[in-house]
């Protein structure tokens, strides 16, 4: 669903967001470009693996239309949308894990990205 960015609000994620968050998660997995996973975790697993103080949802007309959460991340090299978003947010590629795992019957690489905090010296 595309929406006018001015109509989108962001707030901290709460347990009541589980159903739409996991549905969006699964939609991303269904592309085959988001993760080695093929099935979204249940809420208990999601909750245990994402930092609670760094989870947010995007709302349009009161409906959850997106989410973000902090967790360890690697990206498939052909996920150009994710790479562009990370680059726009100041991330850079620092390494490649070649043939790290099989995914849909083929070996896949992942990229490691980082963004250094300007406040840490």
PDB file of N, CA and C in Angstrom:
ATOM      1  N   UNK A   1       0.843  -1.174   0.000  1.00  0.00           N
ATOM      2  CA  UNK A   1       0.000   0.000   0.000  1.00  0.00           C
ATOM      3  C   UNK A   1       0.888   1.236   0.000  1.00  0.00           C
ATOM      4  N   UNK A   2       0.765   2.090  -0.977  1.00  0.00           N
ATOM      5  CA  UNK A   2       1.462   3.365  -1.008  1.00  0.00           C
ATOM      6  C   UNK A   2       0.572   4.412  -0.379  1.00  0.00           C
ATOM      7  N   UNK A   3       1.194   5.334   0.311  1.00  0.00           N
ATOM      8  CA  UNK A   3       0.416   6.369   0.976  1.00  0.00           C
ATOM      9  C   UNK A   3       1.203   7.664   0.974  1.00  0.00           C
ATOM     10  N   UNK A   4       0.539   8.760   1.182  1.00  0.00           N
ATOM     11  CA  UNK A   4       1.177  10.067   1.275  1.00  0.00           C
ATOM     12  C   UNK A   4       2.009  10.091   2.553  1.00  0.00           C
ATOM     13  N   UNK A   5       3.322  10.325   2.427  1.00  0.00           N
ATOM     14  CA  UNK A   5       4.217  10.302   3.583  1.00  0.00           C
ATOM     15  C   UNK A   5       3.793  11.289   4.659  1.00  0.00           C
ATOM     16  N   UNK A   6       3.149  12.373   4.272  1.00  0.00           N
ATOM     17  CA  UNK A   6       2.711  13.356   5.267  1.00  0.00           C
ATOM     18  C   UNK A   6       1.607  12.799   6.154  1.00  0.00           C
ATOM     19  N   UNK A   7       0.929  11.768   5.718  1.00  0.00           N
ATOM     20  CA  UNK A   7      -0.171  11.193   6.486  1.00  0.00           C
ATOM     21  C   UNK A   7       0.288  10.031   7.362  1.00  0.00           C
ATOM     22  N   UNK A   8       1.578   9.735   7.354  1.00  0.00           N
ATOM     23  CA  UNK A   8       2.111   8.618   8.129  1.00  0.00           C
ATOM     24  C   UNK A   8       2.630   9.131   9.467  1.00  0.00           C
ATOM     25  N   UNK A   9       2.258   8.445  10.529  1.00  0.00           N
ATOM     26  CA  UNK A   9       2.795   8.741  11.853  1.00  0.00           C
ATOM     27  C   UNK A   9       3.555   7.519  12.346  1.00  0.00           C
ATOM     28  N   UNK A  10       4.468   7.747  13.267  1.00  0.00           N
ATOM     29  CA  UNK A  10       5.284   6.669  13.822  1.00  0.00           C
ATOM     30  C   UNK A  10       5.124   6.692  15.333  1.00  0.00           C
ATOM     31  N   UNK A  11       4.989   5.494  15.907  1.00  0.00           N
ATOM     32  CA  UNK A  11       4.893   5.380  17.360  1.00  0.00           C
ATOM     33  C   UNK A  11       5.584   4.090  17.790  1.00  0.00           C
ATOM     34  N   UNK A  12       5.895   3.966  19.083  1.00  0.00           N
ATOM     35  CA  UNK A  12       6.483   2.717  19.560  1.00  0.00           C
ATOM     36  C   UNK A  12       5.545   1.531  19.308  1.00  0.00           C
ATOM     37  N   UNK A  13       6.133   0.399  18.988  1.00  0.00           N
ATOM     38  CA  UNK A  13       5.378  -0.834  18.768  1.00  0.00           C
ATOM     39  C   UNK A  13       4.910  -1.388  20.115  1.00  0.00           C
ATOM     40  N   UNK A  14       3.698  -1.919  20.124  1.00  0.00           N
ATOM     41  CA  UNK A  14       3.144  -2.562  21.320  1.00  0.00           C
ATOM     42  C   UNK A  14       2.636  -3.952  20.936  1.00  0.00           C
ATOM     43  N   UNK A  15       2.377  -4.765  21.941  1.00  0.00           N
ATOM     44  CA  UNK A  15       1.920  -6.127  21.692  1.00  0.00           C
ATOM     45  C   UNK A  15       0.681  -6.215  20.823  1.00  0.00           C
ATOM     46  N   UNK A  16      -0.195  -5.227  20.906  1.00  0.00           N
ATOM     47  CA  UNK A  16      -1.412  -5.227  20.084  1.00  0.00           C
ATOM     48  C   UNK A  16      -1.106  -5.098  18.595  1.00  0.00           C
ATOM     49  N   UNK A  17       0.129  -4.730  18.253  1.00  0.00           N
ATOM     50  CA  UNK A  17       0.533  -4.608  16.846  1.00  0.00           C
ATOM     51  C   UNK A  17       0.992  -5.939  16.252  1.00  0.00           C
ATOM     52  N   UNK A  18       1.005  -6.989  17.046  1.00  0.00           N
ATOM     53  CA  UNK A  18       1.573  -8.265  16.612  1.00  0.00           C
ATOM     54  C   UNK A  18       1.014  -8.747  15.272  1.00  0.00           C
ATOM     55  N   UNK A  19      -0.297  -8.790  15.131  1.00  0.00           N
ATOM     56  CA  UNK A  19      -0.888  -9.348  13.907  1.00  0.00           C
ATOM     57  C   UNK A  19      -0.463  -8.593  12.649  1.00  0.00           C
ATOM     58  N   UNK A  20      -0.627  -7.270  12.571  1.00  0.00           N
ATOM     59  CA  UNK A  20      -0.199  -6.589  11.342  1.00  0.00           C
ATOM     60  C   UNK A  20       1.316  -6.603  11.147  1.00  0.00           C
ATOM     61  N   UNK A  21       2.081  -6.509  12.222  1.00  0.00           N
ATOM     62  CA  UNK A  21       3.544  -6.539  12.095  1.00  0.00           C
ATOM     63  C   UNK A  21       3.992  -7.871  11.507  1.00  0.00           C
ATOM     64  N   UNK A  22       3.475  -8.965  12.036  1.00  0.00           N
ATOM     65  CA  UNK A  22       3.878 -10.284  11.536  1.00  0.00           C
ATOM     66  C   UNK A  22       3.366 -10.530  10.121  1.00  0.00           C
ATOM     67  N   UNK A  23       2.221  -9.965   9.761  1.00  0.00           N
ATOM     68  CA  UNK A  23       1.722 -10.089   8.378  1.00  0.00           C
ATOM     69  C   UNK A  23       2.648  -9.348   7.413  1.00  0.00           C
ATOM     70  N   UNK A  24       3.094  -8.156   7.799  1.00  0.00           N
ATOM     71  CA  UNK A  24       4.031  -7.400   6.957  1.00  0.00           C
ATOM     72  C   UNK A  24       5.364  -8.135   6.881  1.00  0.00           C
ATOM     73  N   UNK A  25       5.801  -8.685   8.001  1.00  0.00           N
ATOM     74  CA  UNK A  25       7.034  -9.477   8.041  1.00  0.00           C
ATOM     75  C   UNK A  25       6.931 -10.626   7.032  1.00  0.00           C
ATOM     76  N   UNK A  26       5.821 -11.367   7.077  1.00  0.00           N
ATOM     77  CA  UNK A  26       5.645 -12.499   6.166  1.00  0.00           C
ATOM     78  C   UNK A  26       5.613 -12.045   4.712  1.00  0.00           C
ATOM     79  N   UNK A  27       4.979 -10.923   4.431  1.00  0.00           N
ATOM     80  CA  UNK A  27       4.941 -10.404   3.056  1.00  0.00           C
ATOM     81  C   UNK A  27       6.356 -10.131   2.553  1.00  0.00           C
ATOM     82  N   UNK A  28       7.213  -9.607   3.410  1.00  0.00           N
ATOM     83  CA  UNK A  28       8.607  -9.395   3.030  1.00  0.00           C
ATOM     84  C   UNK A  28       9.325 -10.707   2.775  1.00  0.00           C
ATOM     85  N   UNK A  29       9.100 -11.692   3.630  1.00  0.00           N
ATOM     86  CA  UNK A  29       9.728 -13.002   3.441  1.00  0.00           C
ATOM     87  C   UNK A  29       9.269 -13.652   2.143  1.00  0.00           C
ATOM     88  N   UNK A  30       8.015 -13.445   1.793  1.00  0.00           N
ATOM     89  CA  UNK A  30       7.461 -14.049   0.580  1.00  0.00           C
ATOM     90  C   UNK A  30       8.149 -13.557  -0.690  1.00  0.00           C
ATOM     91  N   UNK A  31       8.831 -12.410  -0.627  1.00  0.00           N
ATOM     92  CA  UNK A  31       9.570 -11.916  -1.799  1.00  0.00           C
ATOM     93  C   UNK A  31      10.817 -12.740  -2.070  1.00  0.00           C
ATOM     94  N   UNK A  32      11.299 -13.467  -1.060  1.00  0.00           N
ATOM     95  CA  UNK A  32      12.534 -14.226  -1.202  1.00  0.00           C
ATOM     96  C   UNK A  32      13.782 -13.366  -1.097  1.00  0.00           C
ATOM     97  N   UNK A  33      13.642 -12.077  -0.821  1.00  0.00           N
ATOM     98  CA  UNK A  33      14.782 -11.161  -0.759  1.00  0.00           C
ATOM     99  C   UNK A  33      15.035 -10.602   0.635  1.00  0.00           C
ATOM    100  N   UNK A  34      14.200 -10.915   1.601  1.00  0.00           N
ATOM    101  CA  UNK A  34      14.294 -10.274   2.909  1.00  0.00           C
ATOM    102  C   UNK A  34      15.150 -11.033   3.913  1.00  0.00           C
ATOM    103  N   UNK A  35      15.217 -12.356   3.794  1.00  0.00           N
ATOM    104  CA  UNK A  35      15.836 -13.148   4.849  1.00  0.00           C
ATOM    105  C   UNK A  35      16.015 -14.584   4.379  1.00  0.00           C
ATOM    106  N   UNK A  36      16.815 -15.335   5.130  1.00  0.00           N
ATOM    107  CA  UNK A  36      16.880 -16.772   4.899  1.00  0.00           C
ATOM    108  C   UNK A  36      15.628 -17.451   5.438  1.00  0.00           C
ATOM    109  N   UNK A  37      14.930 -16.791   6.327  1.00  0.00           N
ATOM    110  CA  UNK A  37      13.696 -17.342   6.873  1.00  0.00           C
ATOM    111  C   UNK A  37      12.640 -17.437   5.771  1.00  0.00           C
ATOM    112  N   UNK A  38      11.732 -18.356   5.936  1.00  0.00           N
ATOM    113  CA  UNK A  38      10.613 -18.462   4.999  1.00  0.00           C
ATOM    114  C   UNK A  38       9.273 -18.238   5.692  1.00  0.00           C
ATOM    115  N   UNK A  39       9.276 -18.283   7.013  1.00  0.00           N
ATOM    116  CA  UNK A  39       8.064 -18.089   7.792  1.00  0.00           C
ATOM    117  C   UNK A  39       8.343 -17.095   8.911  1.00  0.00           C
ATOM    118  N   UNK A  40       7.472 -16.120   9.070  1.00  0.00           N
ATOM    119  CA  UNK A  40       7.622 -15.152  10.161  1.00  0.00           C
ATOM    120  C   UNK A  40       7.532 -15.880  11.502  1.00  0.00           C
ATOM    121  N   UNK A  41       8.285 -15.412  12.485  1.00  0.00           N
ATOM    122  CA  UNK A  41       8.212 -16.046  13.802  1.00  0.00           C
ATOM    123  C   UNK A  41       6.882 -15.740  14.477  1.00  0.00           C
ATOM    124  N   UNK A  42       6.592 -16.483  15.532  1.00  0.00           N
ATOM    125  CA  UNK A  42       5.434 -16.100  16.333  1.00  0.00           C
ATOM    126  C   UNK A  42       5.819 -14.866  17.156  1.00  0.00           C
ATOM    127  N   UNK A  43       4.837 -14.244  17.783  1.00  0.00           N
ATOM    128  CA  UNK A  43       5.102 -12.987  18.483  1.00  0.00           C
ATOM    129  C   UNK A  43       6.106 -13.163  19.625  1.00  0.00           C
ATOM    130  N   UNK A  44       6.038 -14.277  20.355  1.00  0.00           N
ATOM    131  CA  UNK A  44       6.974 -14.479  21.461  1.00  0.00           C
ATOM    132  C   UNK A  44       8.419 -14.478  20.965  1.00  0.00           C
ATOM    133  N   UNK A  45       8.665 -15.142  19.848  1.00  0.00           N
ATOM    134  CA  UNK A  45      10.020 -15.180  19.276  1.00  0.00           C
ATOM    135  C   UNK A  45      10.414 -13.796  18.766  1.00  0.00           C
ATOM    136  N   UNK A  46       9.519 -13.128  18.062  1.00  0.00           N
ATOM    137  CA  UNK A  46       9.791 -11.775  17.575  1.00  0.00           C
ATOM    138  C   UNK A  46      10.140 -10.872  18.754  1.00  0.00           C
ATOM    139  N   UNK A  47       9.326 -10.935  19.789  1.00  0.00           N
ATOM    140  CA  UNK A  47       9.503 -10.095  20.969  1.00  0.00           C
ATOM    141  C   UNK A  47      10.854 -10.353  21.635  1.00  0.00           C
ATOM    142  N   UNK A  48      11.288 -11.599  21.660  1.00  0.00           N
ATOM    143  CA  UNK A  48      12.545 -11.961  22.313  1.00  0.00           C
ATOM    144  C   UNK A  48      13.779 -11.564  21.506  1.00  0.00           C
ATOM    145  N   UNK A  49      13.628 -11.336  20.207  1.00  0.00           N
ATOM    146  CA  UNK A  49      14.801 -11.092  19.355  1.00  0.00           C
ATOM    147  C   UNK A  49      14.911  -9.667  18.829  1.00  0.00           C
ATOM    148  N   UNK A  50      14.030  -8.781  19.254  1.00  0.00           N
ATOM    149  CA  UNK A  50      14.089  -7.379  18.823  1.00  0.00           C
ATOM    150  C   UNK A  50      14.050  -6.480  20.055  1.00  0.00           C
ATOM    151  N   UNK A  51      14.988  -5.563  20.141  1.00  0.00           N
ATOM    152  CA  UNK A  51      15.102  -4.694  21.309  1.00  0.00           C
ATOM    153  C   UNK A  51      13.822  -3.884  21.516  1.00  0.00           C
ATOM    154  N   UNK A  52      13.175  -4.013  22.677  1.00  0.00           N
ATOM    155  CA  UNK A  52      11.876  -3.365  22.894  1.00  0.00           C
ATOM    156  C   UNK A  52      11.904  -1.844  22.754  1.00  0.00           C
ATOM    157  N   UNK A  53      12.982  -1.214  23.172  1.00  0.00           N
ATOM    158  CA  UNK A  53      13.035   0.244  23.105  1.00  0.00           C
ATOM    159  C   UNK A  53      13.352   0.769  21.709  1.00  0.00           C
ATOM    160  N   UNK A  54      13.566  -0.142  20.767  1.00  0.00           N
ATOM    161  CA  UNK A  54      13.901   0.253  19.395  1.00  0.00           C
ATOM    162  C   UNK A  54      12.990  -0.436  18.383  1.00  0.00           C
ATOM    163  N   UNK A  55      11.694  -0.467  18.672  1.00  0.00           N
ATOM    164  CA  UNK A  55      10.694  -1.045  17.765  1.00  0.00           C
ATOM    165  C   UNK A  55       9.601  -0.014  17.550  1.00  0.00           C
ATOM    166  N   UNK A  56       9.297   0.258  16.297  1.00  0.00           N
ATOM    167  CA  UNK A  56       8.285   1.270  15.976  1.00  0.00           C
ATOM    168  C   UNK A  56       7.403   0.789  14.832  1.00  0.00           C
ATOM    169  N   UNK A  57       6.197   1.323  14.778  1.00  0.00           N
ATOM    170  CA  UNK A  57       5.294   1.050  13.662  1.00  0.00           C
ATOM    171  C   UNK A  57       4.958   2.360  12.969  1.00  0.00           C
ATOM    172  N   UNK A  58       4.708   2.255  11.670  1.00  0.00           N
ATOM    173  CA  UNK A  58       4.219   3.383  10.876  1.00  0.00           C
ATOM    174  C   UNK A  58       2.720   3.193  10.706  1.00  0.00           C
ATOM    175  N   UNK A  59       1.969   4.269  10.922  1.00  0.00           N
ATOM    176  CA  UNK A  59       0.510   4.222  10.836  1.00  0.00           C
ATOM    177  C   UNK A  59       0.014   5.171   9.763  1.00  0.00           C
ATOM    178  N   UNK A  60      -0.947   4.717   8.988  1.00  0.00           N
ATOM    179  CA  UNK A  60      -1.658   5.563   8.019  1.00  0.00           C
ATOM    180  C   UNK A  60      -3.137   5.323   8.267  1.00  0.00           C
ATOM    181  N   UNK A  61      -3.863   6.373   8.533  1.00  0.00           N
ATOM    182  CA  UNK A  61      -5.295   6.278   8.847  1.00  0.00           C
ATOM    183  C   UNK A  61      -5.537   5.287   9.983  1.00  0.00           C
ATOM    184  N   UNK A  62      -4.626   5.275  10.962  1.00  0.00           N
ATOM    185  CA  UNK A  62      -4.769   4.409  12.122  1.00  0.00           C
ATOM    186  C   UNK A  62      -4.395   2.960  11.903  1.00  0.00           C
ATOM    187  N   UNK A  63      -3.964   2.607  10.694  1.00  0.00           N
ATOM    188  CA  UNK A  63      -3.624   1.227  10.350  1.00  0.00           C
ATOM    189  C   UNK A  63      -2.109   1.066  10.278  1.00  0.00           C
ATOM    190  N   UNK A  64      -1.584  -0.043  10.836  1.00  0.00           N
ATOM    191  CA  UNK A  64      -0.152  -0.328  10.747  1.00  0.00           C
ATOM    192  C   UNK A  64       0.183  -0.663   9.296  1.00  0.00           C
ATOM    193  N   UNK A  65       1.070   0.136   8.697  1.00  0.00           N
ATOM    194  CA  UNK A  65       1.459  -0.066   7.296  1.00  0.00           C
ATOM    195  C   UNK A  65       2.947  -0.373   7.150  1.00  0.00           C
ATOM    196  N   UNK A  66       3.672  -0.360   8.256  1.00  0.00           N
ATOM    197  CA  UNK A  66       5.095  -0.677   8.221  1.00  0.00           C
ATOM    198  C   UNK A  66       5.637  -0.766   9.629  1.00  0.00           C
ATOM    199  N   UNK A  67       6.834  -1.317   9.743  1.00  0.00           N
ATOM    200  CA  UNK A  67       7.468  -1.411  11.051  1.00  0.00           C
ATOM    201  C   UNK A  67       8.976  -1.416  10.882  1.00  0.00           C
ATOM    202  N   UNK A  68       9.659  -1.126  11.974  1.00  0.00           N
ATOM    203  CA  UNK A  68      11.117  -1.168  12.016  1.00  0.00           C
ATOM    204  C   UNK A  68      11.516  -1.623  13.417  1.00  0.00           C
ATOM    205  N   UNK A  69      12.591  -2.399  13.490  1.00  0.00           N
ATOM    206  CA  UNK A  69      13.095  -2.860  14.779  1.00  0.00           C
ATOM    207  C   UNK A  69      14.600  -3.073  14.666  1.00  0.00           C
ATOM    208  N   UNK A  70      15.285  -2.862  15.762  1.00  0.00           N
ATOM    209  CA  UNK A  70      16.730  -3.051  15.783  1.00  0.00           C
ATOM    210  C   UNK A  70      17.034  -4.514  16.071  1.00  0.00           C
ATOM    211  N   UNK A  71      17.859  -5.094  15.216  1.00  0.00           N
ATOM    212  CA  UNK A  71      18.374  -6.445  15.420  1.00  0.00           C
ATOM    213  C   UNK A  71      19.604  -6.582  14.537  1.00  0.00           C
ATOM    214  N   UNK A  72      20.370  -7.622  14.774  1.00  0.00           N
ATOM    215  CA  UNK A  72      21.517  -7.876  13.902  1.00  0.00           C
ATOM    216  C   UNK A  72      21.006  -8.045  12.478  1.00  0.00           C
ATOM    217  N   UNK A  73      21.757  -7.527  11.506  1.00  0.00           N
ATOM    218  CA  UNK A  73      21.241  -7.535  10.138  1.00  0.00           C
ATOM    219  C   UNK A  73      22.330  -7.875   9.130  1.00  0.00           C
ATOM    220  N   UNK A  74      21.934  -8.598   8.131  1.00  0.00           N
ATOM    221  CA  UNK A  74      22.737  -8.768   6.923  1.00  0.00           C
ATOM    222  C   UNK A  74      21.750  -8.708   5.764  1.00  0.00           C
ATOM    223  N   UNK A  75      22.256  -8.359   4.598  1.00  0.00           N
ATOM    224  CA  UNK A  75      21.372  -8.097   3.461  1.00  0.00           C
ATOM    225  C   UNK A  75      21.850  -8.883   2.251  1.00  0.00           C
ATOM    226  N   UNK A  76      20.919  -9.457   1.499  1.00  0.00           N
ATOM    227  CA  UNK A  76      21.282 -10.095   0.245  1.00  0.00           C
ATOM    228  C   UNK A  76      21.762  -9.018  -0.729  1.00  0.00           C
ATOM    229  N   UNK A  77      22.830  -9.277  -1.484  1.00  0.00           N
ATOM    230  CA  UNK A  77      23.357  -8.264  -2.414  1.00  0.00           C
ATOM    231  C   UNK A  77      22.348  -7.779  -3.450  1.00  0.00           C
ATOM    232  N   UNK A  78      21.369  -8.605  -3.813  1.00  0.00           N
ATOM    233  CA  UNK A  78      20.407  -8.174  -4.829  1.00  0.00           C
ATOM    234  C   UNK A  78      19.165  -7.502  -4.237  1.00  0.00           C
ATOM    235  N   UNK A  79      19.164  -7.239  -2.937  1.00  0.00           N
ATOM    236  CA  UNK A  79      18.056  -6.506  -2.314  1.00  0.00           C
ATOM    237  C   UNK A  79      18.374  -5.012  -2.405  1.00  0.00           C
ATOM    238  N   UNK A  80      18.246  -4.483  -3.602  1.00  0.00           N
ATOM    239  CA  UNK A  80      18.665  -3.107  -3.875  1.00  0.00           C
ATOM    240  C   UNK A  80      17.854  -2.069  -3.104  1.00  0.00           C
ATOM    241  N   UNK A  81      16.596  -2.345  -2.846  1.00  0.00           N
ATOM    242  CA  UNK A  81      15.780  -1.387  -2.088  1.00  0.00           C
ATOM    243  C   UNK A  81      16.315  -1.243  -0.666  1.00  0.00           C
ATOM    244  N   UNK A  82      16.624  -2.358  -0.026  1.00  0.00           N
ATOM    245  CA  UNK A  82      17.160  -2.306   1.333  1.00  0.00           C
ATOM    246  C   UNK A  82      18.529  -1.645   1.354  1.00  0.00           C
ATOM    247  N   UNK A  83      19.372  -1.973   0.384  1.00  0.00           N
ATOM    248  CA  UNK A  83      20.702  -1.356   0.322  1.00  0.00           C
ATOM    249  C   UNK A  83      20.608   0.150   0.132  1.00  0.00           C
ATOM    250  N   UNK A  84      19.699   0.599  -0.715  1.00  0.00           N
ATOM    251  CA  UNK A  84      19.527   2.037  -0.947  1.00  0.00           C
ATOM    252  C   UNK A  84      19.037   2.731   0.322  1.00  0.00           C
ATOM    253  N   UNK A  85      18.097   2.112   1.022  1.00  0.00           N
ATOM    254  CA  UNK A  85      17.595   2.692   2.265  1.00  0.00           C
ATOM    255  C   UNK A  85      18.714   2.795   3.298  1.00  0.00           C
ATOM    256  N   UNK A  86      19.467   1.714   3.468  1.00  0.00           N
ATOM    257  CA  UNK A  86      20.570   1.739   4.429  1.00  0.00           C
ATOM    258  C   UNK A  86      21.613   2.794   4.054  1.00  0.00           C
ATOM    259  N   UNK A  87      21.954   2.891   2.781  1.00  0.00           N
ATOM    260  CA  UNK A  87      22.929   3.898   2.339  1.00  0.00           C
ATOM    261  C   UNK A  87      22.419   5.305   2.634  1.00  0.00           C
ATOM    262  N   UNK A  88      21.144   5.540   2.385  1.00  0.00           N
ATOM    263  CA  UNK A  88      20.560   6.859   2.650  1.00  0.00           C
ATOM    264  C   UNK A  88      20.588   7.197   4.137  1.00  0.00           C
ATOM    265  N   UNK A  89      20.638   6.174   4.978  1.00  0.00           N
ATOM    266  CA  UNK A  89      20.684   6.381   6.426  1.00  0.00           C
ATOM    267  C   UNK A  89      22.111   6.352   6.969  1.00  0.00           C
ATOM    268  N   UNK A  90      23.093   6.333   6.067  1.00  0.00           N
ATOM    269  CA  UNK A  90      24.482   6.426   6.493  1.00  0.00           C
ATOM    270  C   UNK A  90      25.211   5.115   6.705  1.00  0.00           C
ATOM    271  N   UNK A  91      24.609   4.001   6.312  1.00  0.00           N
ATOM    272  CA  UNK A  91      25.290   2.715   6.446  1.00  0.00           C
ATOM    273  C   UNK A  91      26.248   2.507   5.279  1.00  0.00           C
ATOM    274  N   UNK A  92      27.275   1.689   5.513  1.00  0.00           N
ATOM    275  CA  UNK A  92      28.198   1.323   4.446  1.00  0.00           C
ATOM    276  C   UNK A  92      28.462  -0.177   4.527  1.00  0.00           C
ATOM    277  N   UNK A  93      28.782  -0.764   3.391  1.00  0.00           N
ATOM    278  CA  UNK A  93      29.103  -2.187   3.337  1.00  0.00           C
ATOM    279  C   UNK A  93      30.520  -2.379   3.848  1.00  0.00           C
ATOM    280  N   UNK A  94      30.686  -3.304   4.798  1.00  0.00           N
ATOM    281  CA  UNK A  94      32.015  -3.566   5.340  1.00  0.00           C
ATOM    282  C   UNK A  94      32.496  -4.983   5.050  1.00  0.00           C
ATOM    283  N   UNK A  95      31.635  -5.820   4.483  1.00  0.00           N
ATOM    284  CA  UNK A  95      32.073  -7.171   4.181  1.00  0.00           C
ATOM    285  C   UNK A  95      31.021  -7.978   3.453  1.00  0.00           C
ATOM    286  N   UNK A  96      31.484  -9.103   2.932  1.00  0.00           N
ATOM    287  CA  UNK A  96      30.611 -10.048   2.238  1.00  0.00           C
ATOM    288  C   UNK A  96      30.818 -11.417   2.871  1.00  0.00           C
ATOM    289  N   UNK A  97      29.738 -12.055   3.245  1.00  0.00           N
ATOM    290  CA  UNK A  97      29.810 -13.454   3.684  1.00  0.00           C
ATOM    291  C   UNK A  97      29.383 -14.283   2.480  1.00  0.00           C
ATOM    292  N   UNK A  98      30.383 -14.873   1.829  1.00  0.00           N
ATOM    293  CA  UNK A  98      30.127 -15.605   0.588  1.00  0.00           C
ATOM    294  C   UNK A  98      29.554 -16.989   0.880  1.00  0.00           C
ATOM    295  N   UNK A  99      28.514 -17.316   0.124  1.00  0.00           N
ATOM    296  CA  UNK A  99      27.896 -18.638   0.224  1.00  0.00           C
ATOM    297  C   UNK A  99      27.641 -19.026   1.681  1.00  0.00           C
ATOM    298  N   UNK A 100      27.032 -18.117   2.424  1.00  0.00           N
ATOM    299  CA  UNK A 100      26.828 -18.308   3.861  1.00  0.00           C
ATOM    300  C   UNK A 100      25.777 -19.380   4.165  1.00  0.00           C
ATOM    301  N   UNK A 101      24.788 -19.521   3.289  1.00  0.00           N
ATOM    302  CA  UNK A 101      23.735 -20.514   3.527  1.00  0.00           C
ATOM    303  C   UNK A 101      22.954 -20.758   2.242  1.00  0.00           C
ATOM    304  N   UNK A 102      22.270 -21.895   2.219  1.00  0.00           N
ATOM    305  CA  UNK A 102      21.406 -22.203   1.075  1.00  0.00           C
ATOM    306  C   UNK A 102      20.033 -21.596   1.321  1.00  0.00           C
ATOM    307  N   UNK A 103      19.458 -21.042   0.271  1.00  0.00           N
ATOM    308  CA  UNK A 103      18.154 -20.389   0.348  1.00  0.00           C
ATOM    309  C   UNK A 103      17.448 -20.660  -0.967  1.00  0.00           C
ATOM    310  N   UNK A 104      16.308 -21.306  -0.910  1.00  0.00           N
ATOM    311  CA  UNK A 104      15.570 -21.686  -2.121  1.00  0.00           C
ATOM    312  C   UNK A 104      16.481 -22.435  -3.103  1.00  0.00           C
ATOM    313  N   UNK A 105      17.166 -23.425  -2.583  1.00  0.00           N
ATOM    314  CA  UNK A 105      18.002 -24.342  -3.375  1.00  0.00           C
ATOM    315  C   UNK A 105      19.200 -23.700  -4.062  1.00  0.00           C
ATOM    316  N   UNK A 106      19.679 -22.576  -3.546  1.00  0.00           N
ATOM    317  CA  UNK A 106      20.924 -22.020  -4.085  1.00  0.00           C
ATOM    318  C   UNK A 106      21.706 -21.355  -2.960  1.00  0.00           C
ATOM    319  N   UNK A 107      23.014 -21.335  -3.123  1.00  0.00           N
ATOM    320  CA  UNK A 107      23.873 -20.678  -2.151  1.00  0.00           C
ATOM    321  C   UNK A 107      23.709 -19.174  -2.268  1.00  0.00           C
ATOM    322  N   UNK A 108      23.648 -18.497  -1.125  1.00  0.00           N
ATOM    323  CA  UNK A 108      23.472 -17.047  -1.120  1.00  0.00           C
ATOM    324  C   UNK A 108      24.592 -16.376  -0.337  1.00  0.00           C
ATOM    325  N   UNK A 109      24.992 -15.214  -0.806  1.00  0.00           N
ATOM    326  CA  UNK A 109      25.896 -14.330  -0.079  1.00  0.00           C
ATOM    327  C   UNK A 109      25.044 -13.367   0.745  1.00  0.00           C
ATOM    328  N   UNK A 110      25.643 -12.795   1.774  1.00  0.00           N
ATOM    329  CA  UNK A 110      25.025 -11.666   2.468  1.00  0.00           C
ATOM    330  C   UNK A 110      26.075 -10.582   2.656  1.00  0.00           C
ATOM    331  N   UNK A 111      25.607  -9.347   2.712  1.00  0.00           N
ATOM    332  CA  UNK A 111      26.473  -8.202   2.959  1.00  0.00           C
ATOM    333  C   UNK A 111      26.342  -7.792   4.418  1.00  0.00           C
ATOM    334  N   UNK A 112      27.457  -7.405   5.009  1.00  0.00           N
ATOM    335  CA  UNK A 112      27.453  -6.856   6.362  1.00  0.00           C
ATOM    336  C   UNK A 112      27.562  -5.345   6.250  1.00  0.00           C
ATOM    337  N   UNK A 113      26.695  -4.648   6.931  1.00  0.00           N
ATOM    338  CA  UNK A 113      26.688  -3.187   6.889  1.00  0.00           C
ATOM    339  C   UNK A 113      26.900  -2.632   8.286  1.00  0.00           C
ATOM    340  N   UNK A 114      27.421  -1.414   8.340  1.00  0.00           N
ATOM    341  CA  UNK A 114      27.544  -0.738   9.623  1.00  0.00           C
ATOM    342  C   UNK A 114      27.314   0.748   9.443  1.00  0.00           C
ATOM    343  N   UNK A 115      26.957   1.378  10.536  1.00  0.00           N
ATOM    344  CA  UNK A 115      26.895   2.836  10.592  1.00  0.00           C
ATOM    345  C   UNK A 115      27.503   3.231  11.920  1.00  0.00           C
ATOM    346  N   UNK A 116      28.571   3.974  11.860  1.00  0.00           N
ATOM    347  CA  UNK A 116      29.262   4.398  13.072  1.00  0.00           C
ATOM    348  C   UNK A 116      28.591   5.623  13.662  1.00  0.00           C
ATOM    349  N   UNK A 117      28.497   5.648  14.965  1.00  0.00           N
ATOM    350  CA  UNK A 117      27.926   6.803  15.648  1.00  0.00           C
ATOM    351  C   UNK A 117      28.941   7.939  15.669  1.00  0.00           C
ATOM    352  N   UNK A 118      28.526   9.135  15.281  1.00  0.00           N
ATOM    353  CA  UNK A 118      29.457  10.262  15.323  1.00  0.00           C
ATOM    354  C   UNK A 118      29.760  10.709  16.752  1.00  0.00           C
ATOM    355  N   UNK A 119      28.999  10.226  17.729  1.00  0.00           N
ATOM    356  CA  UNK A 119      29.229  10.642  19.111  1.00  0.00           C
ATOM    357  C   UNK A 119      30.200   9.735  19.851  1.00  0.00           C
ATOM    358  N   UNK A 120      30.572   8.620  19.248  1.00  0.00           N
ATOM    359  CA  UNK A 120      31.519   7.702  19.886  1.00  0.00           C
ATOM    360  C   UNK A 120      32.881   7.919  19.255  1.00  0.00           C
ATOM    361  N   UNK A 121      33.857   8.234  20.088  1.00  0.00           N
ATOM    362  CA  UNK A 121      35.212   8.478  19.558  1.00  0.00           C
ATOM    363  C   UNK A 121      36.173   7.428  20.027  1.00  0.00           C
TER     364      UNK A 121
END
